[in-house]
Amino acid sequence: MLGIKRLGLLAALVLVGLAPAAAAQAAAQPSTQDTQYLQAVHQVNLFEITAGNLAQQKGQNQQVKDLGKMFVTDHTQLDQTVQSTAQQLNVQLPADPTADQQKVLDRLNNLSGAEFDKAWVTAQLAGHVQAIQATQTEISQGSEQSVIQLAQDALPILQAHYDELVALAQTLGVPVPQTSASGTPSPGGTTSTGPGGTESPAPGGTGTEEPAPGTTETPAPGQS
């Protein structure tokens, strides 16, 4: 009889010990900001890995090929952390890039040579500005520490990619978005986004129709 009572007491203690853990797990629901960032950065990684492979296959410029290889390596590693973090937080990740990102990939797939190189760099510049801004938003507005830490680790990688792209763009004569070193858009730009990128071109979105800075306000001869 005493043994049964002891077993009952042990069972009760085990249940009491488990209850706080279960409650903590239930309480650890990521915010909408955290969830959207994980989903958005995962799609960025999917886009960058595919685009990086395209650069290695179709690029004419060796620097394009080299950057493509770097992006595949870095974004593959980053996405491993994204997937692990999302799994811990029970966040469902998309299986594919966004529709806009896929359009860019389809367009790049139909180009070749120098035309491909310029379009690839243009798309990458736009995409990295978007990714940097979404990452900065997560750092400042996120609430789940593991997601904030992921963003803090991703930011210098994204900025290093952007710096490499700017240097390559100048070599190829590709217009560079007017941004600060931290990815802040220029006044009047269209790169302001929330974590999901829903109000502007998605990371990797097009920007190929943008004229070079300083060329849009030139008056016609004879005009004031």
N, C-alpha and C. Protein backbone atom coordinates (compact mmCIF):
# COMPACT_ATOMS: atom_id res chain seq x y z
N MET A 1 0.83 -1.20 0.00
CA MET A 1 0.00 0.00 0.00
C MET A 1 0.87 1.25 0.00
N LEU A 2 1.92 1.20 0.82
CA LEU A 2 2.83 2.34 0.89
C LEU A 2 3.54 2.54 -0.44
N GLY A 3 3.87 1.40 -1.07
CA GLY A 3 4.54 1.49 -2.37
C GLY A 3 3.65 2.15 -3.40
N ILE A 4 2.36 1.85 -3.40
CA ILE A 4 1.42 2.45 -4.35
C ILE A 4 1.33 3.95 -4.11
N LYS A 5 1.29 4.35 -2.82
CA LYS A 5 1.23 5.77 -2.51
C LYS A 5 2.48 6.49 -3.01
N ARG A 6 3.63 5.83 -2.82
CA ARG A 6 4.88 6.45 -3.28
C ARG A 6 4.88 6.61 -4.80
N LEU A 7 4.39 5.58 -5.50
CA LEU A 7 4.32 5.66 -6.95
C LEU A 7 3.41 6.80 -7.39
N GLY A 8 2.28 6.93 -6.67
CA GLY A 8 1.35 8.02 -6.99
C GLY A 8 1.99 9.37 -6.78
N LEU A 9 2.77 9.50 -5.70
CA LEU A 9 3.45 10.76 -5.41
C LEU A 9 4.50 11.06 -6.47
N LEU A 10 5.24 10.05 -6.90
CA LEU A 10 6.24 10.24 -7.93
C LEU A 10 5.59 10.69 -9.24
N ALA A 11 4.48 10.06 -9.57
CA ALA A 11 3.77 10.42 -10.80
C ALA A 11 3.30 11.86 -10.74
N ALA A 12 2.81 12.26 -9.57
CA ALA A 12 2.34 13.64 -9.41
C ALA A 12 3.49 14.62 -9.56
N LEU A 13 4.65 14.27 -8.97
CA LEU A 13 5.80 15.15 -9.07
C LEU A 13 6.27 15.28 -10.52
N VAL A 14 6.23 14.16 -11.25
CA VAL A 14 6.64 14.19 -12.66
C VAL A 14 5.71 15.11 -13.46
N LEU A 15 4.41 14.98 -13.20
CA LEU A 15 3.43 15.81 -13.90
C LEU A 15 3.62 17.28 -13.57
N VAL A 16 3.89 17.56 -12.30
CA VAL A 16 4.13 18.95 -11.88
C VAL A 16 5.36 19.49 -12.57
N GLY A 17 6.38 18.64 -12.70
CA GLY A 17 7.61 19.08 -13.36
C GLY A 17 7.41 19.34 -14.84
N LEU A 18 6.52 18.56 -15.47
CA LEU A 18 6.29 18.72 -16.89
C LEU A 18 5.39 19.91 -17.21
N ALA A 19 4.53 20.24 -16.30
CA ALA A 19 3.54 21.29 -16.56
C ALA A 19 4.17 22.63 -16.93
N PRO A 20 5.17 23.12 -16.15
CA PRO A 20 5.78 24.39 -16.54
C PRO A 20 6.43 24.33 -17.91
N ALA A 21 7.07 23.20 -18.24
CA ALA A 21 7.73 23.07 -19.54
C ALA A 21 6.70 23.14 -20.66
N ALA A 22 5.58 22.45 -20.47
CA ALA A 22 4.53 22.47 -21.48
C ALA A 22 3.95 23.87 -21.62
N ALA A 23 3.78 24.54 -20.50
CA ALA A 23 3.23 25.89 -20.54
C ALA A 23 4.20 26.84 -21.24
N ALA A 24 5.49 26.66 -20.96
CA ALA A 24 6.49 27.52 -21.60
C ALA A 24 6.52 27.30 -23.10
N GLN A 25 6.39 26.04 -23.51
CA GLN A 25 6.39 25.73 -24.94
C GLN A 25 5.18 26.36 -25.61
N ALA A 26 4.03 26.27 -24.94
CA ALA A 26 2.82 26.84 -25.51
C ALA A 26 2.91 28.36 -25.59
N ALA A 27 3.63 28.96 -24.63
CA ALA A 27 3.73 30.41 -24.60
C ALA A 27 4.72 30.94 -25.63
N ALA A 28 5.64 30.06 -26.10
CA ALA A 28 6.70 30.50 -26.99
C ALA A 28 6.22 30.57 -28.44
N GLN A 29 5.13 31.24 -28.65
CA GLN A 29 4.63 31.42 -30.00
C GLN A 29 5.29 32.64 -30.62
N PRO A 30 5.91 32.51 -31.80
CA PRO A 30 6.55 33.67 -32.41
C PRO A 30 5.51 34.70 -32.84
N SER A 31 5.91 35.95 -32.85
CA SER A 31 5.02 37.02 -33.28
C SER A 31 4.82 36.95 -34.79
N THR A 32 3.87 37.74 -35.29
CA THR A 32 3.66 37.82 -36.73
C THR A 32 4.92 38.32 -37.42
N GLN A 33 5.58 39.30 -36.81
CA GLN A 33 6.83 39.83 -37.36
C GLN A 33 7.87 38.72 -37.49
N ASP A 34 8.07 37.95 -36.42
CA ASP A 34 9.06 36.87 -36.44
C ASP A 34 8.71 35.83 -37.49
N THR A 35 7.44 35.45 -37.54
CA THR A 35 6.99 34.43 -38.49
C THR A 35 7.20 34.89 -39.92
N GLN A 36 6.78 36.11 -40.21
CA GLN A 36 6.90 36.62 -41.57
C GLN A 36 8.36 36.77 -41.99
N TYR A 37 9.21 37.14 -41.04
CA TYR A 37 10.62 37.27 -41.38
C TYR A 37 11.22 35.91 -41.73
N LEU A 38 10.93 34.91 -40.93
CA LEU A 38 11.45 33.57 -41.21
C LEU A 38 10.99 33.10 -42.59
N GLN A 39 9.74 33.33 -42.90
CA GLN A 39 9.22 32.90 -44.19
C GLN A 39 9.85 33.68 -45.33
N ALA A 40 9.99 35.00 -45.13
CA ALA A 40 10.55 35.85 -46.19
C ALA A 40 12.02 35.55 -46.44
N VAL A 41 12.79 35.39 -45.37
CA VAL A 41 14.23 35.16 -45.55
C VAL A 41 14.46 33.76 -46.12
N HIS A 42 13.59 32.81 -45.82
CA HIS A 42 13.69 31.49 -46.43
C HIS A 42 13.48 31.60 -47.94
N GLN A 43 12.51 32.39 -48.37
CA GLN A 43 12.27 32.56 -49.79
C GLN A 43 13.41 33.32 -50.47
N VAL A 44 13.99 34.26 -49.75
CA VAL A 44 15.20 34.92 -50.26
C VAL A 44 16.29 33.89 -50.51
N ASN A 45 16.48 33.00 -49.55
CA ASN A 45 17.52 31.98 -49.69
C ASN A 45 17.25 31.06 -50.87
N LEU A 46 15.99 30.65 -51.03
CA LEU A 46 15.63 29.79 -52.17
C LEU A 46 15.95 30.51 -53.48
N PHE A 47 15.58 31.78 -53.55
CA PHE A 47 15.84 32.58 -54.75
C PHE A 47 17.34 32.70 -55.00
N GLU A 48 18.10 33.04 -53.94
CA GLU A 48 19.53 33.29 -54.11
C GLU A 48 20.29 32.03 -54.51
N ILE A 49 19.89 30.90 -53.97
CA ILE A 49 20.56 29.65 -54.31
C ILE A 49 20.33 29.32 -55.79
N THR A 50 19.08 29.47 -56.24
CA THR A 50 18.78 29.21 -57.65
C THR A 50 19.47 30.22 -58.56
N ALA A 51 19.40 31.50 -58.19
CA ALA A 51 20.04 32.55 -58.99
C ALA A 51 21.56 32.38 -59.01
N GLY A 52 22.12 31.96 -57.89
CA GLY A 52 23.56 31.73 -57.84
C GLY A 52 24.00 30.60 -58.74
N ASN A 53 23.19 29.56 -58.79
CA ASN A 53 23.50 28.45 -59.70
C ASN A 53 23.40 28.90 -61.16
N LEU A 54 22.40 29.74 -61.45
CA LEU A 54 22.27 30.27 -62.81
C LEU A 54 23.49 31.10 -63.19
N ALA A 55 23.99 31.90 -62.24
CA ALA A 55 25.16 32.73 -62.51
C ALA A 55 26.37 31.88 -62.87
N GLN A 56 26.52 30.76 -62.18
CA GLN A 56 27.66 29.88 -62.47
C GLN A 56 27.52 29.21 -63.83
N GLN A 57 26.28 28.94 -64.22
CA GLN A 57 26.05 28.24 -65.49
C GLN A 57 26.04 29.19 -66.69
N LYS A 58 25.44 30.38 -66.53
CA LYS A 58 25.17 31.25 -67.66
C LYS A 58 25.99 32.53 -67.69
N GLY A 59 26.65 32.84 -66.58
CA GLY A 59 27.40 34.09 -66.52
C GLY A 59 28.55 34.12 -67.50
N GLN A 60 28.77 35.28 -68.09
CA GLN A 60 29.90 35.46 -69.00
C GLN A 60 31.08 36.05 -68.25
N ASN A 61 30.79 36.97 -67.34
CA ASN A 61 31.82 37.61 -66.53
C ASN A 61 32.23 36.68 -65.39
N GLN A 62 33.52 36.53 -65.19
CA GLN A 62 34.00 35.61 -64.15
C GLN A 62 33.58 36.05 -62.76
N GLN A 63 33.50 37.37 -62.54
CA GLN A 63 33.07 37.87 -61.23
C GLN A 63 31.61 37.50 -60.95
N VAL A 64 30.80 37.49 -61.99
CA VAL A 64 29.41 37.06 -61.83
C VAL A 64 29.38 35.60 -61.40
N LYS A 65 30.17 34.78 -62.05
CA LYS A 65 30.24 33.36 -61.69
C LYS A 65 30.72 33.18 -60.24
N ASP A 66 31.75 33.94 -59.87
CA ASP A 66 32.31 33.82 -58.53
C ASP A 66 31.30 34.26 -57.46
N LEU A 67 30.61 35.38 -57.73
CA LEU A 67 29.61 35.85 -56.77
C LEU A 67 28.47 34.85 -56.67
N GLY A 68 28.07 34.30 -57.80
CA GLY A 68 27.02 33.28 -57.78
C GLY A 68 27.38 32.11 -56.88
N LYS A 69 28.62 31.67 -56.98
CA LYS A 69 29.10 30.55 -56.14
C LYS A 69 29.07 30.96 -54.66
N MET A 70 29.53 32.17 -54.37
CA MET A 70 29.53 32.66 -52.99
C MET A 70 28.11 32.71 -52.43
N PHE A 71 27.17 33.21 -53.24
CA PHE A 71 25.79 33.34 -52.78
C PHE A 71 25.18 31.99 -52.48
N VAL A 72 25.46 31.00 -53.32
CA VAL A 72 24.93 29.65 -53.08
C VAL A 72 25.43 29.12 -51.74
N THR A 73 26.73 29.27 -51.51
CA THR A 73 27.33 28.77 -50.26
C THR A 73 26.75 29.49 -49.04
N ASP A 74 26.74 30.82 -49.09
CA ASP A 74 26.31 31.60 -47.92
C ASP A 74 24.82 31.42 -47.64
N HIS A 75 24.00 31.44 -48.67
CA HIS A 75 22.55 31.35 -48.46
C HIS A 75 22.12 29.93 -48.11
N THR A 76 22.88 28.94 -48.54
CA THR A 76 22.60 27.56 -48.12
C THR A 76 22.86 27.42 -46.62
N GLN A 77 23.99 27.97 -46.17
CA GLN A 77 24.31 27.91 -44.74
C GLN A 77 23.29 28.70 -43.92
N LEU A 78 22.93 29.87 -44.40
CA LEU A 78 21.96 30.70 -43.69
C LEU A 78 20.61 29.98 -43.60
N ASP A 79 20.24 29.31 -44.67
CA ASP A 79 18.92 28.68 -44.68
C ASP A 79 18.86 27.48 -43.74
N GLN A 80 19.99 26.85 -43.49
CA GLN A 80 20.01 25.76 -42.51
C GLN A 80 19.59 26.29 -41.13
N THR A 81 20.08 27.47 -40.78
CA THR A 81 19.70 28.09 -39.51
C THR A 81 18.23 28.50 -39.53
N VAL A 82 17.79 29.05 -40.66
CA VAL A 82 16.39 29.46 -40.79
C VAL A 82 15.47 28.25 -40.59
N GLN A 83 15.78 27.15 -41.26
CA GLN A 83 14.93 25.96 -41.15
C GLN A 83 14.93 25.40 -39.74
N SER A 84 16.09 25.38 -39.11
CA SER A 84 16.19 24.87 -37.75
C SER A 84 15.38 25.75 -36.79
N THR A 85 15.51 27.06 -36.93
CA THR A 85 14.78 27.99 -36.06
C THR A 85 13.27 27.87 -36.28
N ALA A 86 12.87 27.79 -37.54
CA ALA A 86 11.44 27.66 -37.86
C ALA A 86 10.86 26.36 -37.29
N GLN A 87 11.64 25.30 -37.35
CA GLN A 87 11.17 24.02 -36.81
C GLN A 87 10.96 24.11 -35.31
N GLN A 88 11.88 24.76 -34.62
CA GLN A 88 11.77 24.90 -33.17
C GLN A 88 10.54 25.73 -32.78
N LEU A 89 10.18 26.67 -33.63
CA LEU A 89 9.06 27.57 -33.33
C LEU A 89 7.76 27.14 -34.01
N ASN A 90 7.81 25.99 -34.67
CA ASN A 90 6.62 25.47 -35.37
C ASN A 90 6.11 26.45 -36.43
N VAL A 91 7.03 27.07 -37.14
CA VAL A 91 6.67 27.97 -38.24
C VAL A 91 6.78 27.21 -39.55
N GLN A 92 5.70 27.24 -40.33
CA GLN A 92 5.70 26.58 -41.63
C GLN A 92 6.39 27.47 -42.66
N LEU A 93 7.35 26.93 -43.38
CA LEU A 93 8.08 27.69 -44.38
C LEU A 93 7.56 27.39 -45.79
N PRO A 94 7.54 28.39 -46.67
CA PRO A 94 7.10 28.16 -48.04
C PRO A 94 8.03 27.18 -48.75
N ALA A 95 7.50 26.48 -49.75
CA ALA A 95 8.30 25.51 -50.49
C ALA A 95 9.02 26.14 -51.67
N ASP A 96 8.58 27.34 -52.08
CA ASP A 96 9.11 27.95 -53.30
C ASP A 96 9.37 29.44 -53.07
N PRO A 97 10.16 30.05 -53.96
CA PRO A 97 10.29 31.52 -53.92
C PRO A 97 8.94 32.18 -54.17
N THR A 98 8.88 33.48 -53.96
CA THR A 98 7.65 34.21 -54.24
C THR A 98 7.40 34.23 -55.75
N ALA A 99 6.17 34.61 -56.13
CA ALA A 99 5.84 34.68 -57.55
C ALA A 99 6.73 35.69 -58.27
N ASP A 100 6.99 36.83 -57.63
CA ASP A 100 7.86 37.84 -58.24
C ASP A 100 9.29 37.33 -58.40
N GLN A 101 9.78 36.63 -57.39
CA GLN A 101 11.12 36.07 -57.47
C GLN A 101 11.20 35.04 -58.60
N GLN A 102 10.16 34.24 -58.75
CA GLN A 102 10.16 33.23 -59.80
C GLN A 102 10.15 33.87 -61.18
N LYS A 103 9.45 35.01 -61.31
CA LYS A 103 9.44 35.72 -62.59
C LYS A 103 10.85 36.18 -62.95
N VAL A 104 11.58 36.66 -61.96
CA VAL A 104 12.95 37.10 -62.20
C VAL A 104 13.81 35.92 -62.63
N LEU A 105 13.67 34.80 -61.95
CA LEU A 105 14.44 33.60 -62.31
C LEU A 105 14.11 33.15 -63.73
N ASP A 106 12.83 33.19 -64.08
CA ASP A 106 12.43 32.79 -65.44
C ASP A 106 13.04 33.72 -66.48
N ARG A 107 13.04 35.02 -66.17
CA ARG A 107 13.61 35.99 -67.11
C ARG A 107 15.12 35.76 -67.26
N LEU A 108 15.81 35.56 -66.14
CA LEU A 108 17.25 35.32 -66.20
C LEU A 108 17.57 34.05 -66.99
N ASN A 109 16.70 33.07 -66.85
CA ASN A 109 16.93 31.79 -67.52
C ASN A 109 16.87 31.93 -69.04
N ASN A 110 16.22 32.99 -69.50
CA ASN A 110 16.08 33.20 -70.94
C ASN A 110 17.13 34.15 -71.51
N LEU A 111 18.03 34.62 -70.66
CA LEU A 111 19.08 35.52 -71.11
C LEU A 111 20.42 34.80 -71.17
N SER A 112 21.38 35.42 -71.82
CA SER A 112 22.72 34.84 -71.89
C SER A 112 23.75 35.94 -72.09
N GLY A 113 25.01 35.59 -71.90
CA GLY A 113 26.10 36.51 -72.16
C GLY A 113 26.07 37.75 -71.29
N ALA A 114 26.51 38.87 -71.88
CA ALA A 114 26.59 40.13 -71.15
C ALA A 114 25.21 40.61 -70.70
N GLU A 115 24.19 40.29 -71.49
CA GLU A 115 22.82 40.68 -71.12
C GLU A 115 22.40 39.99 -69.83
N PHE A 116 22.75 38.72 -69.72
CA PHE A 116 22.46 37.98 -68.48
C PHE A 116 23.20 38.61 -67.31
N ASP A 117 24.49 38.89 -67.50
CA ASP A 117 25.30 39.43 -66.40
C ASP A 117 24.69 40.71 -65.83
N LYS A 118 24.30 41.64 -66.70
CA LYS A 118 23.75 42.91 -66.24
C LYS A 118 22.39 42.72 -65.55
N ALA A 119 21.55 41.88 -66.15
CA ALA A 119 20.23 41.64 -65.54
C ALA A 119 20.38 40.93 -64.20
N TRP A 120 21.33 40.04 -64.08
CA TRP A 120 21.55 39.30 -62.84
C TRP A 120 22.02 40.26 -61.74
N VAL A 121 22.97 41.12 -62.07
CA VAL A 121 23.47 42.07 -61.07
C VAL A 121 22.37 43.04 -60.65
N THR A 122 21.58 43.51 -61.61
CA THR A 122 20.47 44.42 -61.30
C THR A 122 19.48 43.77 -60.35
N ALA A 123 19.09 42.54 -60.64
CA ALA A 123 18.14 41.82 -59.79
C ALA A 123 18.72 41.56 -58.40
N GLN A 124 20.01 41.25 -58.35
CA GLN A 124 20.66 40.96 -57.08
C GLN A 124 20.77 42.21 -56.21
N LEU A 125 21.06 43.34 -56.83
CA LEU A 125 21.11 44.59 -56.07
C LEU A 125 19.77 44.88 -55.42
N ALA A 126 18.70 44.80 -56.22
CA ALA A 126 17.36 45.06 -55.70
C ALA A 126 17.00 44.05 -54.61
N GLY A 127 17.32 42.79 -54.85
CA GLY A 127 16.99 41.75 -53.89
C GLY A 127 17.71 41.91 -52.57
N HIS A 128 18.97 42.30 -52.62
CA HIS A 128 19.73 42.43 -51.38
C HIS A 128 19.32 43.66 -50.59
N VAL A 129 18.92 44.74 -51.28
CA VAL A 129 18.38 45.89 -50.56
C VAL A 129 17.14 45.47 -49.79
N GLN A 130 16.25 44.72 -50.45
CA GLN A 130 15.03 44.25 -49.81
C GLN A 130 15.34 43.35 -48.61
N ALA A 131 16.27 42.42 -48.80
CA ALA A 131 16.61 41.48 -47.74
C ALA A 131 17.23 42.20 -46.54
N ILE A 132 18.10 43.19 -46.82
CA ILE A 132 18.73 43.96 -45.75
C ILE A 132 17.68 44.72 -44.94
N GLN A 133 16.75 45.34 -45.64
CA GLN A 133 15.73 46.12 -44.94
C GLN A 133 14.82 45.22 -44.09
N ALA A 134 14.43 44.07 -44.64
CA ALA A 134 13.60 43.15 -43.87
C ALA A 134 14.35 42.65 -42.63
N THR A 135 15.65 42.44 -42.78
CA THR A 135 16.48 41.97 -41.66
C THR A 135 16.62 43.05 -40.60
N GLN A 136 16.81 44.30 -41.02
CA GLN A 136 16.88 45.40 -40.07
C GLN A 136 15.55 45.57 -39.32
N THR A 137 14.45 45.35 -40.02
CA THR A 137 13.14 45.44 -39.38
C THR A 137 12.99 44.37 -38.31
N GLU A 138 13.45 43.16 -38.60
CA GLU A 138 13.36 42.08 -37.61
C GLU A 138 14.21 42.40 -36.38
N ILE A 139 15.40 42.94 -36.60
CA ILE A 139 16.28 43.27 -35.48
C ILE A 139 15.63 44.31 -34.57
N SER A 140 14.96 45.28 -35.16
CA SER A 140 14.38 46.37 -34.37
C SER A 140 12.98 46.06 -33.84
N GLN A 141 12.25 45.18 -34.51
CA GLN A 141 10.85 44.96 -34.15
C GLN A 141 10.52 43.53 -33.75
N GLY A 142 11.46 42.61 -33.91
CA GLY A 142 11.19 41.22 -33.56
C GLY A 142 11.08 41.04 -32.05
N SER A 143 10.46 39.92 -31.65
CA SER A 143 10.29 39.66 -30.22
C SER A 143 10.89 38.32 -29.79
N GLU A 144 11.04 37.39 -30.73
CA GLU A 144 11.62 36.08 -30.41
C GLU A 144 13.14 36.16 -30.56
N GLN A 145 13.86 35.91 -29.47
CA GLN A 145 15.29 36.15 -29.45
C GLN A 145 16.04 35.31 -30.49
N SER A 146 15.60 34.08 -30.71
CA SER A 146 16.32 33.23 -31.67
C SER A 146 16.20 33.77 -33.08
N VAL A 147 15.08 34.39 -33.41
CA VAL A 147 14.88 34.96 -34.74
C VAL A 147 15.67 36.27 -34.86
N ILE A 148 15.67 37.06 -33.81
CA ILE A 148 16.45 38.30 -33.81
C ILE A 148 17.93 37.98 -33.97
N GLN A 149 18.40 36.95 -33.28
CA GLN A 149 19.81 36.55 -33.38
C GLN A 149 20.13 36.10 -34.79
N LEU A 150 19.21 35.36 -35.40
CA LEU A 150 19.40 34.92 -36.79
C LEU A 150 19.56 36.14 -37.70
N ALA A 151 18.70 37.14 -37.50
CA ALA A 151 18.76 38.35 -38.32
C ALA A 151 20.08 39.10 -38.10
N GLN A 152 20.51 39.16 -36.84
CA GLN A 152 21.77 39.85 -36.54
C GLN A 152 22.96 39.14 -37.20
N ASP A 153 22.90 37.82 -37.26
CA ASP A 153 23.97 37.05 -37.91
C ASP A 153 23.90 37.20 -39.44
N ALA A 154 22.68 37.33 -39.97
CA ALA A 154 22.50 37.41 -41.42
C ALA A 154 22.89 38.78 -41.98
N LEU A 155 22.69 39.83 -41.19
CA LEU A 155 22.87 41.19 -41.71
C LEU A 155 24.26 41.45 -42.29
N PRO A 156 25.35 41.13 -41.59
CA PRO A 156 26.67 41.41 -42.18
C PRO A 156 26.94 40.60 -43.45
N ILE A 157 26.36 39.41 -43.54
CA ILE A 157 26.52 38.60 -44.76
C ILE A 157 25.83 39.28 -45.93
N LEU A 158 24.59 39.73 -45.69
CA LEU A 158 23.83 40.39 -46.75
C LEU A 158 24.50 41.70 -47.18
N GLN A 159 25.02 42.43 -46.20
CA GLN A 159 25.69 43.70 -46.53
C GLN A 159 26.98 43.46 -47.30
N ALA A 160 27.71 42.40 -46.94
CA ALA A 160 28.93 42.07 -47.68
C ALA A 160 28.59 41.70 -49.13
N HIS A 161 27.50 40.95 -49.32
CA HIS A 161 27.05 40.62 -50.67
C HIS A 161 26.72 41.90 -51.45
N TYR A 162 26.00 42.81 -50.79
CA TYR A 162 25.60 44.05 -51.45
C TYR A 162 26.82 44.86 -51.87
N ASP A 163 27.82 44.94 -51.00
CA ASP A 163 29.04 45.70 -51.32
C ASP A 163 29.75 45.09 -52.53
N GLU A 164 29.81 43.76 -52.59
CA GLU A 164 30.42 43.08 -53.74
C GLU A 164 29.63 43.39 -55.02
N LEU A 165 28.30 43.40 -54.90
CA LEU A 165 27.46 43.67 -56.06
C LEU A 165 27.63 45.10 -56.56
N VAL A 166 27.76 46.06 -55.63
CA VAL A 166 27.96 47.46 -56.02
C VAL A 166 29.25 47.60 -56.83
N ALA A 167 30.32 46.98 -56.35
CA ALA A 167 31.60 47.05 -57.05
C ALA A 167 31.49 46.43 -58.44
N LEU A 168 30.80 45.30 -58.53
CA LEU A 168 30.65 44.63 -59.82
C LEU A 168 29.75 45.45 -60.75
N ALA A 169 28.71 46.04 -60.20
CA ALA A 169 27.80 46.87 -61.00
C ALA A 169 28.55 48.03 -61.63
N GLN A 170 29.44 48.64 -60.87
CA GLN A 170 30.21 49.76 -61.40
C GLN A 170 31.13 49.31 -62.53
N THR A 171 31.64 48.11 -62.43
CA THR A 171 32.49 47.55 -63.48
C THR A 171 31.69 47.31 -64.76
N LEU A 172 30.45 46.84 -64.59
CA LEU A 172 29.62 46.47 -65.74
C LEU A 172 28.78 47.63 -66.26
N GLY A 173 28.81 48.77 -65.57
CA GLY A 173 27.99 49.90 -65.97
C GLY A 173 26.52 49.72 -65.64
N VAL A 174 26.24 49.00 -64.56
CA VAL A 174 24.86 48.78 -64.12
C VAL A 174 24.49 49.82 -63.08
N PRO A 175 23.31 50.49 -63.24
CA PRO A 175 22.89 51.48 -62.23
C PRO A 175 22.77 50.85 -60.85
N VAL A 176 23.23 51.57 -59.84
CA VAL A 176 23.18 51.10 -58.45
C VAL A 176 22.09 51.85 -57.71
N PRO A 177 21.19 51.15 -56.98
CA PRO A 177 20.17 51.85 -56.19
C PRO A 177 20.82 52.83 -55.23
N GLN A 178 20.20 53.98 -55.07
CA GLN A 178 20.75 55.00 -54.17
C GLN A 178 20.38 54.64 -52.74
N THR A 179 21.29 53.96 -52.07
CA THR A 179 21.08 53.54 -50.70
C THR A 179 22.31 53.87 -49.89
N SER A 180 22.10 53.90 -48.58
CA SER A 180 23.24 54.06 -47.68
C SER A 180 23.91 52.71 -47.52
N ALA A 181 25.02 52.69 -46.80
CA ALA A 181 25.75 51.45 -46.60
C ALA A 181 24.90 50.41 -45.88
N SER A 182 23.93 50.87 -45.10
CA SER A 182 23.11 49.94 -44.33
C SER A 182 21.87 49.49 -45.09
N GLY A 183 21.73 49.96 -46.34
CA GLY A 183 20.61 49.50 -47.13
C GLY A 183 19.39 50.39 -47.05
N THR A 184 19.53 51.57 -46.42
CA THR A 184 18.39 52.48 -46.33
C THR A 184 18.08 53.04 -47.71
N PRO A 185 16.83 53.00 -48.14
CA PRO A 185 16.51 53.46 -49.49
C PRO A 185 16.65 54.96 -49.63
N SER A 186 16.87 55.38 -50.87
CA SER A 186 16.97 56.81 -51.13
C SER A 186 15.59 57.45 -51.03
N PRO A 187 15.52 58.77 -50.82
CA PRO A 187 14.21 59.44 -50.74
C PRO A 187 13.40 59.19 -52.00
N GLY A 188 12.14 58.84 -51.79
CA GLY A 188 11.27 58.61 -52.93
C GLY A 188 11.42 57.24 -53.54
N GLY A 189 12.31 56.42 -52.97
CA GLY A 189 12.50 55.07 -53.50
C GLY A 189 11.33 54.18 -53.18
N THR A 190 11.32 53.00 -53.79
CA THR A 190 10.20 52.07 -53.61
C THR A 190 10.60 50.84 -52.83
N THR A 191 11.70 50.96 -52.07
CA THR A 191 12.20 49.76 -51.42
C THR A 191 11.79 49.62 -49.98
N SER A 192 10.86 50.45 -49.49
CA SER A 192 10.39 50.32 -48.12
C SER A 192 9.46 49.13 -48.00
N THR A 193 9.74 48.24 -47.07
CA THR A 193 8.93 47.04 -46.97
C THR A 193 8.75 46.60 -45.53
N GLY A 194 7.73 45.82 -45.34
CA GLY A 194 7.58 45.07 -44.10
C GLY A 194 8.33 43.77 -44.25
N PRO A 195 8.29 42.93 -43.25
CA PRO A 195 9.06 41.70 -43.29
C PRO A 195 8.66 40.77 -44.42
N GLY A 196 7.42 40.88 -44.87
CA GLY A 196 6.99 40.00 -45.95
C GLY A 196 7.25 40.58 -47.32
N GLY A 197 7.66 41.84 -47.39
CA GLY A 197 7.96 42.46 -48.66
C GLY A 197 6.73 42.67 -49.52
N THR A 198 5.55 42.84 -48.89
CA THR A 198 4.32 42.85 -49.66
C THR A 198 4.03 44.19 -50.31
N GLU A 199 4.68 45.24 -49.88
CA GLU A 199 4.35 46.56 -50.40
C GLU A 199 5.37 47.05 -51.43
N SER A 200 6.26 46.18 -51.84
CA SER A 200 7.29 46.60 -52.77
C SER A 200 7.80 45.37 -53.49
N PRO A 201 8.68 45.54 -54.47
CA PRO A 201 9.21 44.36 -55.16
C PRO A 201 9.79 43.38 -54.16
N ALA A 202 9.51 42.12 -54.36
CA ALA A 202 10.04 41.10 -53.47
C ALA A 202 11.54 41.03 -53.62
N PRO A 203 12.24 40.51 -52.60
CA PRO A 203 13.69 40.33 -52.73
C PRO A 203 14.01 39.61 -54.03
N GLY A 204 14.89 40.19 -54.80
CA GLY A 204 15.18 39.61 -56.10
C GLY A 204 14.25 40.12 -57.17
N GLY A 205 13.41 41.10 -56.80
CA GLY A 205 12.46 41.64 -57.76
C GLY A 205 13.16 42.45 -58.83
N THR A 206 12.39 42.78 -59.86
CA THR A 206 13.00 43.47 -60.99
C THR A 206 13.28 44.91 -60.66
N GLY A 207 14.20 45.46 -61.36
CA GLY A 207 14.51 46.88 -61.27
C GLY A 207 15.18 47.28 -62.56
N THR A 208 14.97 46.47 -63.59
CA THR A 208 15.72 46.63 -64.82
C THR A 208 15.26 47.83 -65.62
N GLU A 209 14.05 48.32 -65.34
CA GLU A 209 13.58 49.46 -66.11
C GLU A 209 14.01 50.79 -65.50
N GLU A 210 14.66 50.76 -64.35
CA GLU A 210 15.08 52.00 -63.71
C GLU A 210 16.23 52.63 -64.48
N PRO A 211 16.12 53.93 -64.84
CA PRO A 211 17.26 54.59 -65.50
C PRO A 211 18.38 54.83 -64.51
N ALA A 212 19.52 55.10 -65.05
CA ALA A 212 20.66 55.40 -64.19
C ALA A 212 20.39 56.67 -63.41
N PRO A 213 20.91 56.74 -62.17
CA PRO A 213 20.70 57.95 -61.36
C PRO A 213 21.18 59.19 -62.10
N GLY A 214 20.37 60.24 -62.01
CA GLY A 214 20.77 61.50 -62.61
C GLY A 214 20.35 61.67 -64.05
N THR A 215 19.68 60.65 -64.64
CA THR A 215 19.34 60.75 -66.06
C THR A 215 17.87 61.07 -66.28
N THR A 216 17.07 61.10 -65.21
CA THR A 216 15.64 61.24 -65.41
C THR A 216 15.17 62.68 -65.45
N GLU A 217 15.99 63.62 -64.97
CA GLU A 217 15.54 64.99 -64.86
C GLU A 217 16.19 65.91 -65.90
N THR A 218 16.88 65.34 -66.88
CA THR A 218 17.54 66.18 -67.85
C THR A 218 16.53 66.87 -68.74
N PRO A 219 16.46 68.20 -68.77
CA PRO A 219 15.46 68.87 -69.60
C PRO A 219 15.80 68.79 -71.07
N ALA A 220 14.78 68.84 -71.88
CA ALA A 220 15.03 68.86 -73.33
C ALA A 220 15.64 70.21 -73.70
N PRO A 221 16.41 70.24 -74.80
CA PRO A 221 17.04 71.51 -75.19
C PRO A 221 16.01 72.61 -75.35
N GLY A 222 16.30 73.75 -74.76
CA GLY A 222 15.40 74.89 -74.89
C GLY A 222 14.39 74.99 -73.78
N GLN A 223 14.26 73.95 -72.95
CA GLN A 223 13.32 74.00 -71.84
C GLN A 223 14.00 74.56 -70.62
N SER A 224 13.22 75.24 -69.77
CA SER A 224 13.77 75.78 -68.54
C SER A 224 13.67 74.76 -67.46
